[in-house]
């Protein structure tokens, strides 16, 4: 069961959405989608940074196994290999 704080937030937001007109609801959807994209992007950047730190630590310990630095991931929208 959800915590009381989450339940209160849901009721408040549901009432806000229910009372909004169609244009306002669409703007709410755009805002939500934009925030989701920002969260996904931030999480992606954190994962890449963690991976790069782990690779650097392995290389510093002499466990690089000859893998070229920067291999293993492509940046978002990087189509240079295509």
Protein backbone atom coordinates (compact mmCIF):
# COMPACT_ATOMS: atom_id res chain seq x y z
CA UNK A 1 0.00 0.00 0.00
CA UNK A 2 1.26 3.46 -0.89
CA UNK A 3 2.41 5.83 1.80
CA UNK A 4 0.02 8.60 2.90
CA UNK A 5 2.25 11.23 1.27
CA UNK A 6 2.02 9.46 -2.11
CA UNK A 7 -1.73 9.01 -1.74
CA UNK A 8 -2.17 12.71 -0.97
CA UNK A 9 -0.01 13.66 -3.94
CA UNK A 10 -2.01 11.38 -6.24
CA UNK A 11 -5.34 12.82 -5.10
CA UNK A 12 -4.06 16.39 -5.49
CA UNK A 13 -2.66 15.79 -8.96
CA UNK A 14 -5.69 13.78 -10.09
CA UNK A 15 -7.97 16.63 -9.04
CA UNK A 16 -5.71 19.10 -10.86
CA UNK A 17 -5.86 17.04 -14.06
CA UNK A 18 -9.58 16.41 -13.78
CA UNK A 19 -10.26 20.15 -13.47
CA UNK A 20 -7.93 21.17 -16.32
CA UNK A 21 -9.12 21.83 -19.86
CA UNK A 22 -7.82 19.81 -22.80
CA UNK A 23 -5.08 22.27 -23.77
CA UNK A 24 -3.79 22.44 -20.20
CA UNK A 25 -3.78 18.63 -20.03
CA UNK A 26 -1.73 18.45 -23.22
CA UNK A 27 0.74 20.96 -21.78
CA UNK A 28 0.95 18.79 -18.65
CA UNK A 29 1.74 15.77 -20.84
CA UNK A 30 4.48 17.69 -22.65
CA UNK A 31 5.99 18.76 -19.34
CA UNK A 32 5.88 15.21 -17.96
CA UNK A 33 7.45 13.77 -21.11
CA UNK A 34 10.18 16.41 -21.03
CA UNK A 35 10.97 15.59 -17.40
CA UNK A 36 11.07 11.86 -18.20
CA UNK A 37 13.51 12.50 -21.05
CA UNK A 38 15.67 14.62 -18.75
CA UNK A 39 15.69 11.84 -16.12
CA UNK A 40 16.57 9.18 -18.72
CA UNK A 41 19.35 11.38 -20.10
CA UNK A 42 20.80 12.09 -16.66
CA UNK A 43 20.72 8.38 -15.77
CA UNK A 44 22.39 7.50 -19.08
CA UNK A 45 25.14 10.05 -18.46
CA UNK A 46 25.68 8.69 -14.94
CA UNK A 47 25.94 5.12 -16.27
CA UNK A 48 28.44 6.15 -18.95
CA UNK A 49 30.50 8.07 -16.40
CA UNK A 50 30.49 5.09 -14.02
CA UNK A 51 31.52 2.77 -16.85
CA UNK A 52 34.34 5.09 -17.88
CA UNK A 53 35.54 5.35 -14.27
CA UNK A 54 35.53 1.56 -13.94
CA UNK A 55 37.48 1.20 -17.19
CA UNK A 56 39.98 3.83 -16.06
CA UNK A 57 40.43 2.06 -12.74
CA UNK A 58 41.01 -1.25 -14.53
CA UNK A 59 43.53 0.38 -16.87
CA UNK A 60 45.33 1.96 -13.92
CA UNK A 61 45.61 -1.47 -12.31
CA UNK A 62 46.98 -2.95 -15.52
CA UNK A 63 43.82 -4.90 -16.37
CA UNK A 64 42.92 -3.01 -19.54
CA UNK A 65 43.24 -6.19 -21.69
CA UNK A 66 44.23 -4.06 -24.69
CA UNK A 67 40.74 -2.59 -25.17
CA UNK A 68 40.83 0.85 -26.76
CA UNK A 69 39.55 3.60 -24.53
CA UNK A 70 36.08 4.81 -25.43
CA UNK A 71 34.93 1.54 -26.99
CA UNK A 72 31.89 -0.24 -25.64
CA UNK A 73 29.34 2.55 -25.95
CA UNK A 74 28.20 5.18 -28.37
CA UNK A 75 26.91 8.56 -27.37
CA UNK A 76 23.26 9.33 -27.98
CA UNK A 77 22.77 10.32 -31.58
CA UNK A 78 26.32 9.31 -32.53
CA UNK A 79 25.99 7.80 -35.95
CA UNK A 80 29.65 8.10 -36.90
CA UNK A 81 29.93 4.31 -37.09
CA UNK A 82 27.01 4.02 -39.50
